C-alpha atoms as a PDB file:
ATOM      1  CA  ARG A   1     -86.143-143.705 -69.864  1.00  0.00           C
ATOM      2  CA  HIS A   2     -88.649-141.789 -71.863  1.00  0.00           C
ATOM      3  CA  ALA A   3     -92.233-141.378 -70.769  1.00  0.00           C
ATOM      4  CA  GLY A   4     -93.790-142.872 -73.902  1.00  0.00           C
ATOM      5  CA  ALA A   5     -95.818-145.544 -72.133  1.00  0.00           C
ATOM      6  CA  SER A   6     -97.121-143.121 -69.501  1.00  0.00           C
ATOM      7  CA  SER A   7     -97.936-140.515 -72.097  1.00  0.00           C
ATOM      8  CA  ASP A   8     -99.695-143.012 -74.366  1.00  0.00           C
ATOM      9  CA  MET A   9    -101.741-144.374 -71.482  1.00  0.00           C
ATOM     10  CA  LEU A  10    -102.762-140.959 -70.131  1.00  0.00           C
ATOM     11  CA  ALA A  11    -103.685-139.628 -73.572  1.00  0.00           C
ATOM     12  CA  ARG A  12    -105.362-142.930 -74.481  1.00  0.00           C
ATOM     13  CA  ARG A  13    -103.410-143.004 -77.751  1.00  0.00           C
ATOM     14  CA  ARG A  14    -102.802-146.752 -77.499  1.00  0.00           C
ATOM     15  CA  THR A  15    -104.432-149.714 -75.805  1.00  0.00           C
ATOM     16  CA  VAL A  16    -102.607-151.501 -72.995  1.00  0.00           C
ATOM     17  CA  GLY A  17    -101.869-154.329 -75.440  1.00  0.00           C
ATOM     18  CA  GLU A  18    -100.341-151.905 -77.937  1.00  0.00           C
ATOM     19  CA  ILE A  19     -98.267-150.288 -75.196  1.00  0.00           C
ATOM     20  CA  MET A  20     -97.036-153.711 -74.072  1.00  0.00           C
ATOM     21  CA  ALA A  21     -96.048-154.618 -77.632  1.00  0.00           C
ATOM     22  CA  ARG A  22     -94.354-151.279 -78.216  1.00  0.00           C
ATOM     23  CA  GLY A  23     -92.380-151.559 -74.969  1.00  0.00           C
ATOM     24  CA  ARG A  24     -91.721-155.281 -75.491  1.00  0.00           C
ATOM     25  CA  TRP A  25     -93.225-156.047 -72.087  1.00  0.00           C
ATOM     26  CA  ALA A  26     -94.594-159.504 -71.423  1.00  0.00           C
ATOM     27  CA  ALA A  27     -96.107-158.644 -68.041  1.00  0.00           C
ATOM     28  CA  LEU A  28     -98.889-156.193 -67.309  1.00  0.00           C
ATOM     29  CA  LYS A  29     -97.064-155.372 -64.067  1.00  0.00           C
ATOM     30  CA  SER A  30     -94.315-153.665 -66.096  1.00  0.00           C
ATOM     31  CA  VAL A  31     -96.831-151.421 -67.851  1.00  0.00           C
ATOM     32  CA  ARG A  32     -98.481-150.470 -64.555  1.00  0.00           C
ATOM     33  CA  ARG A  33     -95.117-149.341 -63.161  1.00  0.00           C
ATOM     34  CA  TYR A  34     -94.852-146.752 -65.926  1.00  0.00           C
ATOM     35  CA  ALA A  35     -98.495-145.712 -65.641  1.00  0.00           C
ATOM     36  CA  LYS A  36     -97.907-144.653 -62.027  1.00  0.00           C
ATOM     37  CA  GLY A  37     -95.150-142.276 -63.134  1.00  0.00           C
ATOM     38  CA  GLY A  38     -97.530-140.792 -65.660  1.00  0.00           C
ATOM     39  CA  SER A  39    -100.156-140.216 -62.987  1.00  0.00           C
ATOM     40  CA  VAL A  40     -97.641-138.318 -60.888  1.00  0.00           C
ATOM     41  CA  GLN A  41     -96.669-136.221 -63.914  1.00  0.00           C
ATOM     42  CA  LYS A  42    -100.323-135.396 -64.554  1.00  0.00           C
ATOM     43  CA  VAL A  43    -100.748-134.089 -60.995  1.00  0.00           C
ATOM     44  CA  ALA A  44     -97.455-132.164 -61.169  1.00  0.00           C
ATOM     45  CA  GLU A  45     -98.662-130.322 -64.264  1.00  0.00           C
ATOM     46  CA  ARG A  46    -101.664-129.053 -62.280  1.00  0.00           C
ATOM     47  CA  LEU A  47     -99.602-127.529 -59.450  1.00  0.00           C
ATOM     48  CA  ALA A  48     -99.485-123.780 -59.042  1.00  0.00           C
ATOM     49  CA  PRO A  49     -96.393-122.358 -60.790  1.00  0.00           C
ATOM     50  CA  GLY A  50     -94.649-121.370 -57.531  1.00  0.00           C
ATOM     51  CA  ILE A  51     -95.091-124.835 -56.036  1.00  0.00           C
ATOM     52  CA  ARG A  52     -93.967-126.507 -59.274  1.00  0.00           C
ATOM     53  CA  LEU A  53     -90.821-124.340 -59.315  1.00  0.00           C
ATOM     54  CA  PHE A  54     -90.077-125.223 -55.678  1.00  0.00           C
ATOM     55  CA  CYS A  55     -90.453-128.949 -56.462  1.00  0.00           C
ATOM     56  CA  GLN A  56     -88.154-128.653 -59.475  1.00  0.00           C
ATOM     57  CA  GLN A  57     -85.534-126.875 -57.365  1.00  0.00           C
ATOM     58  CA  MET A  58     -85.760-129.566 -54.681  1.00  0.00           C
ATOM     59  CA  GLU A  59     -85.342-132.280 -57.306  1.00  0.00           C
ATOM     60  CA  ARG A  60     -82.301-130.487 -58.720  1.00  0.00           C
ATOM     61  CA  ASP A  61     -80.759-129.899 -55.281  1.00  0.00           C
ATOM     62  CA  LEU A  62     -81.628-133.291 -53.726  1.00  0.00           C
ATOM     63  CA  PRO A  63     -78.105-134.787 -53.980  1.00  0.00           C
ATOM     64  CA  ARG A  64     -76.630-131.750 -52.184  1.00  0.00           C
ATOM     65  CA  ILE A  65     -79.435-131.748 -49.599  1.00  0.00           C
ATOM     66  CA  LEU A  66     -78.853-135.432 -48.806  1.00  0.00           C
ATOM     67  CA  LYS A  67     -75.112-134.775 -48.437  1.00  0.00           C
ATOM     68  CA  LYS A  68     -76.042-131.932 -46.056  1.00  0.00           C
ATOM     69  CA  GLU A  69     -74.152-129.461 -48.242  1.00  0.00           C
ATOM     70  CA  ILE A  70     -77.177-127.167 -48.317  1.00  0.00           C
ATOM     71  CA  GLY A  71     -80.315-126.768 -46.250  1.00  0.00           C
ATOM     72  CA  VAL A  72     -83.929-126.464 -47.298  1.00  0.00           C
ATOM     73  CA  VAL A  73     -86.073-123.395 -46.795  1.00  0.00           C
ATOM     74  CA  VAL A  74     -89.710-124.264 -47.393  1.00  0.00           C
ATOM     75  CA  PRO A  75     -91.863-121.332 -48.489  1.00  0.00           C
ATOM     76  CA  ASP A  76     -95.083-120.651 -46.600  1.00  0.00           C
ATOM     77  CA  PHE A  77     -97.534-122.189 -49.036  1.00  0.00           C
ATOM     78  CA  SER A  78    -100.348-121.758 -46.506  1.00  0.00           C
ATOM     79  CA  ALA A  79    -100.501-118.102 -47.555  1.00  0.00           C
ATOM     80  CA  LEU A  80    -101.753-119.220 -50.972  1.00  0.00           C
ATOM     81  CA  PRO A  81    -105.499-119.599 -51.406  1.00  0.00           C
ATOM     82  CA  GLU A  82    -106.429-123.295 -51.643  1.00  0.00           C
ATOM     83  CA  ALA A  83    -107.506-122.821 -55.264  1.00  0.00           C
ATOM     84  CA  ASN A  84    -103.956-121.764 -56.192  1.00  0.00           C
ATOM     85  CA  LEU A  85    -102.267-124.922 -54.881  1.00  0.00           C
ATOM     86  CA  VAL A  86    -103.566-127.050 -57.744  1.00  0.00           C
ATOM     87  CA  ARG A  87    -105.031-125.717 -60.960  1.00  0.00           C
END
């Protein structure tokens, strides 16, 4: 699915009613489900580039990790100054 509802809500381009009509949702609960994904995306965009890259690699490799085909080496993020974890 595309992130139209999340994007519209975060950018305040449309009202909740307009988003519901656009997505053909009858229940507010459906709209809230997509808003949560948008909130996560907003936080992800603020991550330091190295952390964001690590997260993207983990997402890409998750099927192989779960099948125990590959292991995970977690970088030492504690070496980064706190200000660099999230922009």
